[in-house]
Amino acid sequence: MSDTFVNLGLYLSYILIVVGTLAAVVFPILYLIKDPKSAKATFIGLAAVFGVLLISYLFADGTVLPSYANYGTTEASSKFVSTGLIAFYILAFISMAAVIYSEISKAIK
């Protein structure tokens, strides 16, 4: 009897995950279609993020250290990890600069 409840709970969880995923994808698309002006700002933001990822990928190094080769690390996976780290550093720097600028501009006004 307890297996039945566990299976029912798992199936219900799967259904809710699918419904939530569809809602998270469909509703923003419908909103962007309804309000094209906000779509412009959204696409500018997405382009900026993709630009940071492109710059990060171009600067990423795919070197595999001998100690990492034992774990099956390839040059491609090493380059993607390096890309993620560089993108994180760039975005963290931008966010810290924005916070500092915001606080300084508030203090001056």
N, C-alpha and C. Protein backbone atom coordinates (compact mmCIF):
# COMPACT_ATOMS: atom_id res chain seq x y z
N MET A 1 0.83 -1.19 0.00
CA MET A 1 0.00 0.00 0.00
C MET A 1 0.87 1.25 0.00
N SER A 2 1.96 1.26 0.74
CA SER A 2 2.80 2.45 0.78
C SER A 2 3.49 2.68 -0.57
N ASP A 3 3.77 1.59 -1.32
CA ASP A 3 4.35 1.75 -2.65
C ASP A 3 3.40 2.49 -3.57
N THR A 4 2.13 2.26 -3.41
CA THR A 4 1.13 2.94 -4.24
C THR A 4 1.16 4.45 -3.99
N PHE A 5 1.25 4.84 -2.72
CA PHE A 5 1.29 6.26 -2.41
C PHE A 5 2.59 6.90 -2.88
N VAL A 6 3.68 6.17 -2.78
CA VAL A 6 4.96 6.70 -3.25
C VAL A 6 4.92 6.90 -4.76
N ASN A 7 4.41 5.88 -5.47
CA ASN A 7 4.31 6.00 -6.93
C ASN A 7 3.37 7.13 -7.33
N LEU A 8 2.25 7.25 -6.62
CA LEU A 8 1.31 8.33 -6.90
C LEU A 8 1.96 9.69 -6.67
N GLY A 9 2.71 9.81 -5.58
CA GLY A 9 3.41 11.06 -5.30
C GLY A 9 4.46 11.39 -6.35
N LEU A 10 5.18 10.37 -6.82
CA LEU A 10 6.18 10.60 -7.87
C LEU A 10 5.52 11.05 -9.17
N TYR A 11 4.43 10.38 -9.56
CA TYR A 11 3.75 10.76 -10.79
C TYR A 11 3.18 12.17 -10.69
N LEU A 12 2.63 12.50 -9.54
CA LEU A 12 2.11 13.85 -9.34
C LEU A 12 3.24 14.88 -9.41
N SER A 13 4.39 14.54 -8.85
CA SER A 13 5.55 15.44 -8.92
C SER A 13 6.01 15.64 -10.36
N TYR A 14 6.05 14.55 -11.13
CA TYR A 14 6.43 14.66 -12.54
C TYR A 14 5.46 15.56 -13.30
N ILE A 15 4.18 15.39 -13.06
CA ILE A 15 3.17 16.20 -13.74
C ILE A 15 3.35 17.68 -13.36
N LEU A 16 3.57 17.95 -12.08
CA LEU A 16 3.74 19.34 -11.65
C LEU A 16 5.02 19.96 -12.21
N ILE A 17 6.07 19.17 -12.35
CA ILE A 17 7.31 19.68 -12.95
C ILE A 17 7.08 20.05 -14.41
N VAL A 18 6.35 19.20 -15.15
CA VAL A 18 6.06 19.49 -16.56
C VAL A 18 5.18 20.73 -16.67
N VAL A 19 4.15 20.84 -15.84
CA VAL A 19 3.26 22.00 -15.88
C VAL A 19 4.03 23.27 -15.52
N GLY A 20 4.87 23.20 -14.51
CA GLY A 20 5.66 24.37 -14.13
C GLY A 20 6.64 24.78 -15.20
N THR A 21 7.28 23.81 -15.84
CA THR A 21 8.21 24.11 -16.92
C THR A 21 7.49 24.75 -18.10
N LEU A 22 6.36 24.18 -18.47
CA LEU A 22 5.58 24.78 -19.57
C LEU A 22 5.13 26.19 -19.24
N ALA A 23 4.69 26.41 -18.01
CA ALA A 23 4.26 27.75 -17.61
C ALA A 23 5.43 28.72 -17.63
N ALA A 24 6.60 28.27 -17.21
CA ALA A 24 7.77 29.14 -17.18
C ALA A 24 8.26 29.48 -18.59
N VAL A 25 7.94 28.66 -19.56
CA VAL A 25 8.36 28.93 -20.94
C VAL A 25 7.27 29.64 -21.73
N VAL A 26 6.02 29.21 -21.59
CA VAL A 26 4.94 29.73 -22.43
C VAL A 26 4.51 31.13 -22.02
N PHE A 27 4.33 31.40 -20.74
CA PHE A 27 3.82 32.70 -20.33
C PHE A 27 4.74 33.86 -20.68
N PRO A 28 6.05 33.75 -20.51
CA PRO A 28 6.91 34.85 -20.96
C PRO A 28 6.86 35.07 -22.47
N ILE A 29 6.74 33.99 -23.23
CA ILE A 29 6.63 34.15 -24.69
C ILE A 29 5.34 34.86 -25.05
N LEU A 30 4.24 34.49 -24.42
CA LEU A 30 2.96 35.18 -24.68
C LEU A 30 3.04 36.65 -24.29
N TYR A 31 3.70 36.95 -23.17
CA TYR A 31 3.84 38.34 -22.74
C TYR A 31 4.68 39.14 -23.73
N LEU A 32 5.75 38.53 -24.25
CA LEU A 32 6.59 39.23 -25.22
C LEU A 32 5.86 39.47 -26.52
N ILE A 33 4.98 38.55 -26.90
CA ILE A 33 4.20 38.75 -28.12
C ILE A 33 3.18 39.86 -27.90
N LYS A 34 2.60 39.92 -26.71
CA LYS A 34 1.58 40.93 -26.41
C LYS A 34 2.20 42.33 -26.27
N ASP A 35 3.40 42.43 -25.73
CA ASP A 35 4.05 43.72 -25.50
C ASP A 35 5.43 43.74 -26.15
N PRO A 36 5.48 44.08 -27.46
CA PRO A 36 6.76 44.02 -28.18
C PRO A 36 7.81 45.01 -27.68
N LYS A 37 7.41 46.10 -27.04
CA LYS A 37 8.39 47.06 -26.53
C LYS A 37 9.23 46.43 -25.42
N SER A 38 8.61 45.64 -24.58
CA SER A 38 9.38 44.97 -23.53
C SER A 38 10.25 43.86 -24.12
N ALA A 39 9.83 43.33 -25.27
CA ALA A 39 10.63 42.31 -25.93
C ALA A 39 11.97 42.88 -26.37
N LYS A 40 11.97 44.13 -26.79
CA LYS A 40 13.22 44.76 -27.23
C LYS A 40 14.22 44.80 -26.07
N ALA A 41 13.79 45.21 -24.90
CA ALA A 41 14.68 45.28 -23.74
C ALA A 41 15.14 43.88 -23.33
N THR A 42 14.25 42.91 -23.42
CA THR A 42 14.60 41.54 -23.08
C THR A 42 15.67 41.00 -24.02
N PHE A 43 15.49 41.25 -25.31
CA PHE A 43 16.47 40.75 -26.28
C PHE A 43 17.81 41.47 -26.17
N ILE A 44 17.80 42.72 -25.77
CA ILE A 44 19.06 43.43 -25.54
C ILE A 44 19.79 42.79 -24.35
N GLY A 45 19.06 42.47 -23.31
CA GLY A 45 19.67 41.79 -22.16
C GLY A 45 20.22 40.42 -22.51
N LEU A 46 19.46 39.65 -23.29
CA LEU A 46 19.93 38.34 -23.72
C LEU A 46 21.16 38.46 -24.61
N ALA A 47 21.17 39.45 -25.48
CA ALA A 47 22.33 39.66 -26.35
C ALA A 47 23.55 40.02 -25.52
N ALA A 48 23.37 40.80 -24.47
CA ALA A 48 24.50 41.15 -23.60
C ALA A 48 25.05 39.92 -22.89
N VAL A 49 24.17 39.06 -22.41
CA VAL A 49 24.63 37.83 -21.74
C VAL A 49 25.35 36.93 -22.74
N PHE A 50 24.80 36.77 -23.94
CA PHE A 50 25.47 35.96 -24.94
C PHE A 50 26.80 36.58 -25.36
N GLY A 51 26.87 37.92 -25.36
CA GLY A 51 28.14 38.58 -25.65
C GLY A 51 29.18 38.27 -24.61
N VAL A 52 28.78 38.30 -23.34
CA VAL A 52 29.71 37.95 -22.26
C VAL A 52 30.15 36.50 -22.40
N LEU A 53 29.22 35.60 -22.73
CA LEU A 53 29.58 34.20 -22.92
C LEU A 53 30.52 34.01 -24.11
N LEU A 54 30.30 34.76 -25.18
CA LEU A 54 31.19 34.66 -26.34
C LEU A 54 32.59 35.15 -26.00
N ILE A 55 32.67 36.29 -25.33
CA ILE A 55 33.97 36.81 -24.92
C ILE A 55 34.67 35.82 -23.98
N SER A 56 33.91 35.24 -23.07
CA SER A 56 34.47 34.26 -22.14
C SER A 56 34.98 33.04 -22.88
N TYR A 57 34.24 32.59 -23.87
CA TYR A 57 34.66 31.42 -24.64
C TYR A 57 35.94 31.72 -25.43
N LEU A 58 36.04 32.92 -25.97
CA LEU A 58 37.22 33.28 -26.75
C LEU A 58 38.47 33.35 -25.86
N PHE A 59 38.31 33.77 -24.62
CA PHE A 59 39.45 33.87 -23.70
C PHE A 59 39.72 32.57 -22.93
N ALA A 60 38.81 31.61 -23.02
CA ALA A 60 38.95 30.38 -22.24
C ALA A 60 40.11 29.53 -22.75
N ASP A 61 40.73 28.85 -21.80
CA ASP A 61 41.85 27.97 -22.11
C ASP A 61 41.40 26.52 -21.93
N GLY A 62 41.71 25.68 -22.89
CA GLY A 62 41.28 24.30 -22.83
C GLY A 62 42.36 23.35 -22.34
N THR A 63 43.35 23.88 -21.65
CA THR A 63 44.44 23.03 -21.17
C THR A 63 43.95 22.03 -20.13
N VAL A 64 44.36 20.78 -20.31
CA VAL A 64 44.01 19.73 -19.36
C VAL A 64 45.27 19.37 -18.59
N LEU A 65 45.25 19.61 -17.29
CA LEU A 65 46.39 19.26 -16.46
C LEU A 65 46.48 17.74 -16.33
N PRO A 66 47.68 17.22 -16.15
CA PRO A 66 47.83 15.76 -16.03
C PRO A 66 47.00 15.16 -14.89
N SER A 67 46.85 15.90 -13.82
CA SER A 67 46.06 15.36 -12.69
C SER A 67 44.58 15.26 -13.04
N TYR A 68 44.08 16.11 -13.97
CA TYR A 68 42.68 16.05 -14.36
C TYR A 68 42.44 15.02 -15.46
N ALA A 69 43.48 14.65 -16.19
CA ALA A 69 43.33 13.67 -17.27
C ALA A 69 42.90 12.32 -16.71
N ASN A 70 43.27 12.02 -15.48
CA ASN A 70 42.88 10.74 -14.86
C ASN A 70 41.37 10.63 -14.68
N TYR A 71 40.69 11.75 -14.62
CA TYR A 71 39.23 11.75 -14.41
C TYR A 71 38.45 11.83 -15.70
N GLY A 72 39.11 11.72 -16.82
CA GLY A 72 38.42 11.75 -18.11
C GLY A 72 38.11 13.14 -18.60
N THR A 73 38.79 14.13 -18.10
CA THR A 73 38.56 15.51 -18.54
C THR A 73 39.13 15.69 -19.93
N THR A 74 38.31 16.20 -20.83
CA THR A 74 38.76 16.45 -22.20
C THR A 74 39.08 17.92 -22.37
N GLU A 75 39.68 18.25 -23.50
CA GLU A 75 39.99 19.65 -23.78
C GLU A 75 38.72 20.47 -23.91
N ALA A 76 37.69 19.88 -24.53
CA ALA A 76 36.41 20.60 -24.71
C ALA A 76 35.75 20.88 -23.36
N SER A 77 35.71 19.89 -22.48
CA SER A 77 35.07 20.11 -21.18
C SER A 77 35.87 21.11 -20.35
N SER A 78 37.19 21.07 -20.47
CA SER A 78 38.01 22.04 -19.76
C SER A 78 37.76 23.45 -20.27
N LYS A 79 37.57 23.59 -21.58
CA LYS A 79 37.29 24.91 -22.16
C LYS A 79 35.93 25.43 -21.69
N PHE A 80 34.94 24.55 -21.59
CA PHE A 80 33.62 24.99 -21.13
C PHE A 80 33.63 25.39 -19.66
N VAL A 81 34.38 24.67 -18.86
CA VAL A 81 34.50 25.04 -17.45
C VAL A 81 35.21 26.38 -17.32
N SER A 82 36.25 26.57 -18.11
CA SER A 82 36.97 27.85 -18.10
C SER A 82 36.07 28.98 -18.58
N THR A 83 35.24 28.70 -19.58
CA THR A 83 34.28 29.70 -20.06
C THR A 83 33.32 30.11 -18.95
N GLY A 84 32.80 29.13 -18.22
CA GLY A 84 31.88 29.44 -17.13
C GLY A 84 32.53 30.26 -16.04
N LEU A 85 33.76 29.93 -15.70
CA LEU A 85 34.46 30.70 -14.66
C LEU A 85 34.72 32.13 -15.10
N ILE A 86 35.18 32.30 -16.33
CA ILE A 86 35.46 33.65 -16.82
C ILE A 86 34.17 34.47 -16.89
N ALA A 87 33.08 33.85 -17.37
CA ALA A 87 31.80 34.55 -17.43
C ALA A 87 31.34 34.95 -16.03
N PHE A 88 31.54 34.06 -15.06
CA PHE A 88 31.19 34.39 -13.67
C PHE A 88 31.99 35.58 -13.18
N TYR A 89 33.29 35.59 -13.45
CA TYR A 89 34.13 36.70 -13.01
C TYR A 89 33.69 38.01 -13.65
N ILE A 90 33.40 37.99 -14.94
CA ILE A 90 32.98 39.21 -15.64
C ILE A 90 31.66 39.72 -15.06
N LEU A 91 30.68 38.82 -14.92
CA LEU A 91 29.37 39.24 -14.41
C LEU A 91 29.44 39.67 -12.95
N ALA A 92 30.27 39.02 -12.16
CA ALA A 92 30.44 39.43 -10.76
C ALA A 92 31.06 40.82 -10.69
N PHE A 93 32.05 41.08 -11.52
CA PHE A 93 32.69 42.41 -11.54
C PHE A 93 31.68 43.47 -11.96
N ILE A 94 30.89 43.18 -12.99
CA ILE A 94 29.88 44.14 -13.45
C ILE A 94 28.86 44.42 -12.35
N SER A 95 28.42 43.38 -11.66
CA SER A 95 27.42 43.59 -10.61
C SER A 95 28.00 44.37 -9.43
N MET A 96 29.25 44.07 -9.05
CA MET A 96 29.87 44.84 -7.96
C MET A 96 30.08 46.30 -8.36
N ALA A 97 30.47 46.52 -9.61
CA ALA A 97 30.64 47.90 -10.09
C ALA A 97 29.31 48.64 -10.09
N ALA A 98 28.23 47.95 -10.45
CA ALA A 98 26.91 48.58 -10.45
C ALA A 98 26.47 48.94 -9.04
N VAL A 99 26.75 48.08 -8.07
CA VAL A 99 26.38 48.37 -6.69
C VAL A 99 27.19 49.55 -6.16
N ILE A 100 28.48 49.56 -6.44
CA ILE A 100 29.33 50.67 -5.98
C ILE A 100 28.90 51.98 -6.63
N TYR A 101 28.62 51.95 -7.93
CA TYR A 101 28.16 53.15 -8.62
C TYR A 101 26.84 53.64 -8.04
N SER A 102 25.93 52.71 -7.76
CA SER A 102 24.63 53.08 -7.20
C SER A 102 24.80 53.74 -5.83
N GLU A 103 25.64 53.18 -4.99
CA GLU A 103 25.84 53.76 -3.65
C GLU A 103 26.53 55.12 -3.71
N ILE A 104 27.50 55.27 -4.58
CA ILE A 104 28.19 56.55 -4.71
C ILE A 104 27.25 57.61 -5.27
N SER A 105 26.45 57.24 -6.27
CA SER A 105 25.53 58.23 -6.84
C SER A 105 24.45 58.63 -5.83
N LYS A 106 24.01 57.70 -4.97
CA LYS A 106 23.05 58.05 -3.93
C LYS A 106 23.69 58.99 -2.89
N ALA A 107 24.95 58.75 -2.58
CA ALA A 107 25.63 59.58 -1.59
C ALA A 107 25.86 60.99 -2.10
N ILE A 108 26.10 61.14 -3.38
CA ILE A 108 26.34 62.47 -3.96
C ILE A 108 25.04 63.26 -4.04
N LYS A 109 23.94 62.61 -4.33
CA LYS A 109 22.65 63.31 -4.44
C LYS A 109 22.16 63.61 -3.09
